Amino acid sequence: MKVFVSLLAILAPAVVGVMGALVRDIPVVSESAKLLKLCQDGGANSYVGVLYQKGQSVTYNFNQCYPYQLAKDNLAKMAVFCKATTCFSNPWAFLIISKV
């Protein structure tokens, strides 16, 4: 039993390192990591990094609700929040909240 636990303790960092390298190569994970870094590097007021369909990566600051669509055929593809925020620009959210 002690040998198994010792072997597990020795191999665990290597397994975690290999799994981490494999996960970073998954497109969704790597894009998420890029957007998180973009958001964090965007300044103290930046709260989200957004990737749009045509490849633009943009950050938005507090008091700006990020648009789900920049132009026709250019929808938000992925968004990663680096800070908590609430936005009330979505008309459906406003209707739901106002009914409560």
N, C-alpha and C. Protein backbone atom coordinates (compact mmCIF):
# COMPACT_ATOMS: atom_id res chain seq x y z
N MET A 1 0.82 -1.19 0.00
CA MET A 1 0.00 0.00 0.00
C MET A 1 0.87 1.26 0.00
N LYS A 2 1.92 1.27 0.84
CA LYS A 2 2.80 2.43 0.90
C LYS A 2 3.50 2.65 -0.44
N VAL A 3 3.88 1.56 -1.10
CA VAL A 3 4.56 1.67 -2.38
C VAL A 3 3.63 2.28 -3.42
N PHE A 4 2.37 1.86 -3.41
CA PHE A 4 1.39 2.40 -4.35
C PHE A 4 1.18 3.89 -4.13
N VAL A 5 1.03 4.29 -2.87
CA VAL A 5 0.82 5.71 -2.54
C VAL A 5 2.05 6.52 -2.93
N SER A 6 3.24 5.99 -2.67
CA SER A 6 4.47 6.69 -3.03
C SER A 6 4.59 6.83 -4.54
N LEU A 7 4.28 5.77 -5.25
CA LEU A 7 4.34 5.80 -6.71
C LEU A 7 3.33 6.80 -7.27
N LEU A 8 2.15 6.82 -6.69
CA LEU A 8 1.12 7.77 -7.11
C LEU A 8 1.57 9.21 -6.85
N ALA A 9 2.20 9.44 -5.71
CA ALA A 9 2.69 10.78 -5.38
C ALA A 9 3.78 11.23 -6.34
N ILE A 10 4.59 10.30 -6.80
CA ILE A 10 5.67 10.63 -7.73
C ILE A 10 5.13 10.89 -9.13
N LEU A 11 4.17 10.09 -9.56
CA LEU A 11 3.65 10.19 -10.92
C LEU A 11 2.59 11.27 -11.11
N ALA A 12 1.92 11.67 -10.05
CA ALA A 12 0.81 12.62 -10.17
C ALA A 12 1.20 13.92 -10.86
N PRO A 13 2.31 14.57 -10.50
CA PRO A 13 2.66 15.82 -11.20
C PRO A 13 2.89 15.62 -12.70
N ALA A 14 3.47 14.49 -13.08
CA ALA A 14 3.70 14.23 -14.50
C ALA A 14 2.38 14.05 -15.24
N VAL A 15 1.46 13.32 -14.63
CA VAL A 15 0.15 13.09 -15.26
C VAL A 15 -0.59 14.41 -15.39
N VAL A 16 -0.57 15.22 -14.35
CA VAL A 16 -1.25 16.52 -14.39
C VAL A 16 -0.62 17.41 -15.46
N GLY A 17 0.70 17.39 -15.57
CA GLY A 17 1.39 18.19 -16.59
C GLY A 17 1.02 17.78 -18.00
N VAL A 18 0.97 16.48 -18.25
CA VAL A 18 0.61 15.98 -19.58
C VAL A 18 -0.84 16.32 -19.88
N MET A 19 -1.73 16.13 -18.92
CA MET A 19 -3.15 16.45 -19.14
C MET A 19 -3.33 17.94 -19.39
N GLY A 20 -2.59 18.76 -18.65
CA GLY A 20 -2.67 20.21 -18.86
C GLY A 20 -2.25 20.59 -20.26
N ALA A 21 -1.19 19.97 -20.76
CA ALA A 21 -0.72 20.25 -22.12
C ALA A 21 -1.75 19.81 -23.15
N LEU A 22 -2.38 18.68 -22.92
CA LEU A 22 -3.40 18.20 -23.86
C LEU A 22 -4.62 19.11 -23.87
N VAL A 23 -5.04 19.55 -22.71
CA VAL A 23 -6.23 20.40 -22.61
C VAL A 23 -5.98 21.75 -23.28
N ARG A 24 -4.77 22.30 -23.15
CA ARG A 24 -4.47 23.60 -23.77
C ARG A 24 -4.59 23.56 -25.28
N ASP A 25 -4.43 22.37 -25.87
CA ASP A 25 -4.51 22.26 -27.32
C ASP A 25 -5.93 22.12 -27.84
N ILE A 26 -6.90 22.00 -26.95
CA ILE A 26 -8.29 21.94 -27.37
C ILE A 26 -8.71 23.36 -27.73
N PRO A 27 -9.24 23.60 -28.95
CA PRO A 27 -9.52 24.97 -29.40
C PRO A 27 -10.36 25.80 -28.44
N VAL A 28 -11.41 25.24 -27.88
CA VAL A 28 -12.27 26.02 -26.99
C VAL A 28 -11.50 26.47 -25.75
N VAL A 29 -10.68 25.59 -25.21
CA VAL A 29 -9.92 25.92 -24.01
C VAL A 29 -8.87 26.98 -24.33
N SER A 30 -8.17 26.83 -25.45
CA SER A 30 -7.14 27.81 -25.79
C SER A 30 -7.75 29.17 -26.10
N GLU A 31 -8.90 29.20 -26.78
CA GLU A 31 -9.58 30.48 -27.05
C GLU A 31 -10.06 31.11 -25.75
N SER A 32 -10.58 30.29 -24.85
CA SER A 32 -11.03 30.80 -23.55
C SER A 32 -9.86 31.41 -22.79
N ALA A 33 -8.73 30.74 -22.81
CA ALA A 33 -7.54 31.25 -22.12
C ALA A 33 -7.09 32.58 -22.72
N LYS A 34 -7.14 32.69 -24.05
CA LYS A 34 -6.76 33.94 -24.72
C LYS A 34 -7.71 35.08 -24.33
N LEU A 35 -9.01 34.77 -24.31
CA LEU A 35 -9.99 35.80 -23.96
C LEU A 35 -9.87 36.21 -22.49
N LEU A 36 -9.57 35.25 -21.62
CA LEU A 36 -9.38 35.58 -20.21
C LEU A 36 -8.18 36.51 -20.06
N LYS A 37 -7.08 36.21 -20.73
CA LYS A 37 -5.89 37.06 -20.67
C LYS A 37 -6.20 38.44 -21.25
N LEU A 38 -6.91 38.48 -22.37
CA LEU A 38 -7.29 39.76 -22.98
C LEU A 38 -8.10 40.59 -21.99
N CYS A 39 -9.04 39.95 -21.32
CA CYS A 39 -9.88 40.65 -20.35
C CYS A 39 -9.05 41.15 -19.17
N GLN A 40 -8.19 40.31 -18.65
CA GLN A 40 -7.36 40.69 -17.50
C GLN A 40 -6.38 41.80 -17.86
N ASP A 41 -5.88 41.79 -19.09
CA ASP A 41 -4.94 42.81 -19.54
C ASP A 41 -5.65 44.10 -19.98
N GLY A 42 -6.98 44.07 -20.02
CA GLY A 42 -7.75 45.21 -20.51
C GLY A 42 -7.84 46.38 -19.56
N GLY A 43 -7.36 46.23 -18.36
CA GLY A 43 -7.40 47.33 -17.39
C GLY A 43 -8.34 47.03 -16.24
N ALA A 44 -8.35 47.94 -15.28
CA ALA A 44 -9.11 47.73 -14.05
C ALA A 44 -10.62 47.66 -14.29
N ASN A 45 -11.12 48.32 -15.32
CA ASN A 45 -12.56 48.35 -15.57
C ASN A 45 -13.03 47.32 -16.59
N SER A 46 -12.12 46.58 -17.18
CA SER A 46 -12.49 45.57 -18.17
C SER A 46 -13.13 44.37 -17.46
N TYR A 47 -14.27 43.91 -17.98
CA TYR A 47 -14.95 42.79 -17.32
C TYR A 47 -15.17 41.58 -18.22
N VAL A 48 -15.01 41.74 -19.54
CA VAL A 48 -15.27 40.62 -20.44
C VAL A 48 -14.40 40.73 -21.68
N GLY A 49 -13.96 39.59 -22.17
CA GLY A 49 -13.30 39.49 -23.46
C GLY A 49 -14.23 38.73 -24.38
N VAL A 50 -14.49 39.26 -25.56
CA VAL A 50 -15.45 38.66 -26.48
C VAL A 50 -14.78 38.37 -27.82
N LEU A 51 -15.03 37.18 -28.34
CA LEU A 51 -14.57 36.81 -29.68
C LEU A 51 -15.79 36.80 -30.59
N TYR A 52 -15.71 37.55 -31.68
CA TYR A 52 -16.81 37.60 -32.65
C TYR A 52 -16.52 36.67 -33.82
N GLN A 53 -17.55 36.33 -34.58
CA GLN A 53 -17.44 35.35 -35.67
C GLN A 53 -16.38 35.71 -36.70
N LYS A 54 -16.19 36.98 -36.96
CA LYS A 54 -15.22 37.38 -37.98
C LYS A 54 -13.81 37.55 -37.42
N GLY A 55 -13.60 37.09 -36.19
CA GLY A 55 -12.26 37.04 -35.63
C GLY A 55 -11.84 38.19 -34.73
N GLN A 56 -12.66 39.22 -34.58
CA GLN A 56 -12.28 40.32 -33.69
C GLN A 56 -12.39 39.87 -32.24
N SER A 57 -11.36 40.18 -31.46
CA SER A 57 -11.39 39.97 -30.02
C SER A 57 -11.44 41.34 -29.37
N VAL A 58 -12.44 41.56 -28.53
CA VAL A 58 -12.70 42.89 -27.97
C VAL A 58 -12.94 42.76 -26.47
N THR A 59 -12.52 43.77 -25.71
CA THR A 59 -12.88 43.83 -24.30
C THR A 59 -13.90 44.94 -24.10
N TYR A 60 -14.70 44.79 -23.06
CA TYR A 60 -15.66 45.82 -22.70
C TYR A 60 -15.48 46.16 -21.23
N ASN A 61 -15.72 47.42 -20.90
CA ASN A 61 -15.55 47.93 -19.54
C ASN A 61 -16.90 48.04 -18.84
N PHE A 62 -16.83 48.20 -17.51
CA PHE A 62 -18.05 48.45 -16.76
C PHE A 62 -18.77 49.65 -17.36
N ASN A 63 -20.07 49.69 -17.25
CA ASN A 63 -20.96 50.70 -17.85
C ASN A 63 -21.06 50.57 -19.36
N GLN A 64 -20.54 49.48 -19.92
CA GLN A 64 -20.74 49.13 -21.33
C GLN A 64 -21.30 47.72 -21.36
N CYS A 65 -22.44 47.53 -21.97
CA CYS A 65 -22.94 46.18 -22.16
C CYS A 65 -22.37 45.68 -23.48
N TYR A 66 -21.80 44.50 -23.47
CA TYR A 66 -21.20 44.05 -24.72
C TYR A 66 -22.29 43.62 -25.70
N PRO A 67 -22.16 44.06 -26.96
CA PRO A 67 -23.17 43.70 -27.95
C PRO A 67 -23.02 42.25 -28.40
N TYR A 68 -24.14 41.58 -28.54
CA TYR A 68 -24.12 40.20 -29.00
C TYR A 68 -23.84 40.12 -30.50
N GLN A 69 -23.97 41.25 -31.17
CA GLN A 69 -23.73 41.30 -32.61
C GLN A 69 -23.09 42.64 -32.94
N LEU A 70 -21.93 42.61 -33.61
CA LEU A 70 -21.27 43.86 -34.01
C LEU A 70 -21.87 44.40 -35.30
N ALA A 71 -22.10 43.52 -36.24
CA ALA A 71 -22.68 43.89 -37.53
C ALA A 71 -23.41 42.66 -38.05
N LYS A 72 -24.09 42.83 -39.17
CA LYS A 72 -24.79 41.69 -39.75
C LYS A 72 -23.80 40.55 -39.97
N ASP A 73 -24.18 39.36 -39.60
CA ASP A 73 -23.34 38.16 -39.76
C ASP A 73 -22.05 38.23 -38.94
N ASN A 74 -22.05 38.94 -37.84
CA ASN A 74 -20.87 38.99 -36.97
C ASN A 74 -21.31 38.91 -35.51
N LEU A 75 -21.85 37.75 -35.16
CA LEU A 75 -22.34 37.52 -33.80
C LEU A 75 -21.19 37.21 -32.85
N ALA A 76 -21.43 37.42 -31.57
CA ALA A 76 -20.46 37.02 -30.55
C ALA A 76 -20.38 35.49 -30.58
N LYS A 77 -19.17 35.01 -30.68
CA LYS A 77 -18.94 33.57 -30.76
C LYS A 77 -18.65 32.99 -29.38
N MET A 78 -17.91 33.76 -28.57
CA MET A 78 -17.52 33.30 -27.24
C MET A 78 -17.22 34.52 -26.37
N ALA A 79 -17.59 34.44 -25.11
CA ALA A 79 -17.28 35.52 -24.16
C ALA A 79 -16.74 34.91 -22.88
N VAL A 80 -15.70 35.52 -22.34
CA VAL A 80 -15.12 35.07 -21.07
C VAL A 80 -15.09 36.26 -20.12
N PHE A 81 -15.78 36.11 -19.02
CA PHE A 81 -15.85 37.17 -18.02
C PHE A 81 -14.70 37.01 -17.03
N CYS A 82 -14.00 38.11 -16.75
CA CYS A 82 -12.94 38.07 -15.74
C CYS A 82 -13.38 38.79 -14.47
N LYS A 83 -14.52 39.44 -14.50
CA LYS A 83 -15.10 40.08 -13.31
C LYS A 83 -16.61 39.92 -13.39
N ALA A 84 -17.24 39.88 -12.24
CA ALA A 84 -18.70 39.75 -12.19
C ALA A 84 -19.36 41.08 -12.54
N THR A 85 -20.43 41.01 -13.28
CA THR A 85 -21.15 42.22 -13.66
C THR A 85 -22.58 41.85 -14.04
N THR A 86 -23.43 42.85 -14.11
CA THR A 86 -24.80 42.67 -14.57
C THR A 86 -25.08 43.74 -15.61
N CYS A 87 -25.74 43.35 -16.66
CA CYS A 87 -26.07 44.29 -17.72
C CYS A 87 -27.55 44.16 -18.05
N PHE A 88 -28.20 45.28 -18.23
CA PHE A 88 -29.63 45.26 -18.49
C PHE A 88 -29.97 45.74 -19.90
N SER A 89 -29.05 45.61 -20.85
CA SER A 89 -29.33 46.09 -22.20
C SER A 89 -30.13 45.10 -23.03
N ASN A 90 -30.18 43.85 -22.62
CA ASN A 90 -30.93 42.85 -23.36
C ASN A 90 -32.42 43.10 -23.13
N PRO A 91 -33.18 43.41 -24.18
CA PRO A 91 -34.60 43.75 -23.97
C PRO A 91 -35.40 42.61 -23.36
N TRP A 92 -35.04 41.36 -23.66
CA TRP A 92 -35.78 40.24 -23.07
C TRP A 92 -35.52 40.16 -21.57
N ALA A 93 -34.29 40.40 -21.15
CA ALA A 93 -33.99 40.39 -19.72
C ALA A 93 -34.76 41.50 -19.02
N PHE A 94 -34.86 42.66 -19.67
CA PHE A 94 -35.59 43.78 -19.08
C PHE A 94 -37.06 43.42 -18.90
N LEU A 95 -37.64 42.78 -19.91
CA LEU A 95 -39.05 42.41 -19.81
C LEU A 95 -39.29 41.40 -18.70
N ILE A 96 -38.38 40.45 -18.57
CA ILE A 96 -38.53 39.44 -17.51
C ILE A 96 -38.38 40.08 -16.14
N ILE A 97 -37.38 40.94 -15.98
CA ILE A 97 -37.14 41.59 -14.69
C ILE A 97 -38.29 42.52 -14.33
N SER A 98 -38.82 43.25 -15.32
CA SER A 98 -39.88 44.21 -15.03
C SER A 98 -41.20 43.52 -14.66
N LYS A 99 -41.37 42.27 -15.05
CA LYS A 99 -42.60 41.54 -14.72
C LYS A 99 -42.57 41.01 -13.29
N VAL A 100 -41.40 40.92 -12.70
CA VAL A 100 -41.27 40.33 -11.36
C VAL A 100 -41.77 41.27 -10.30
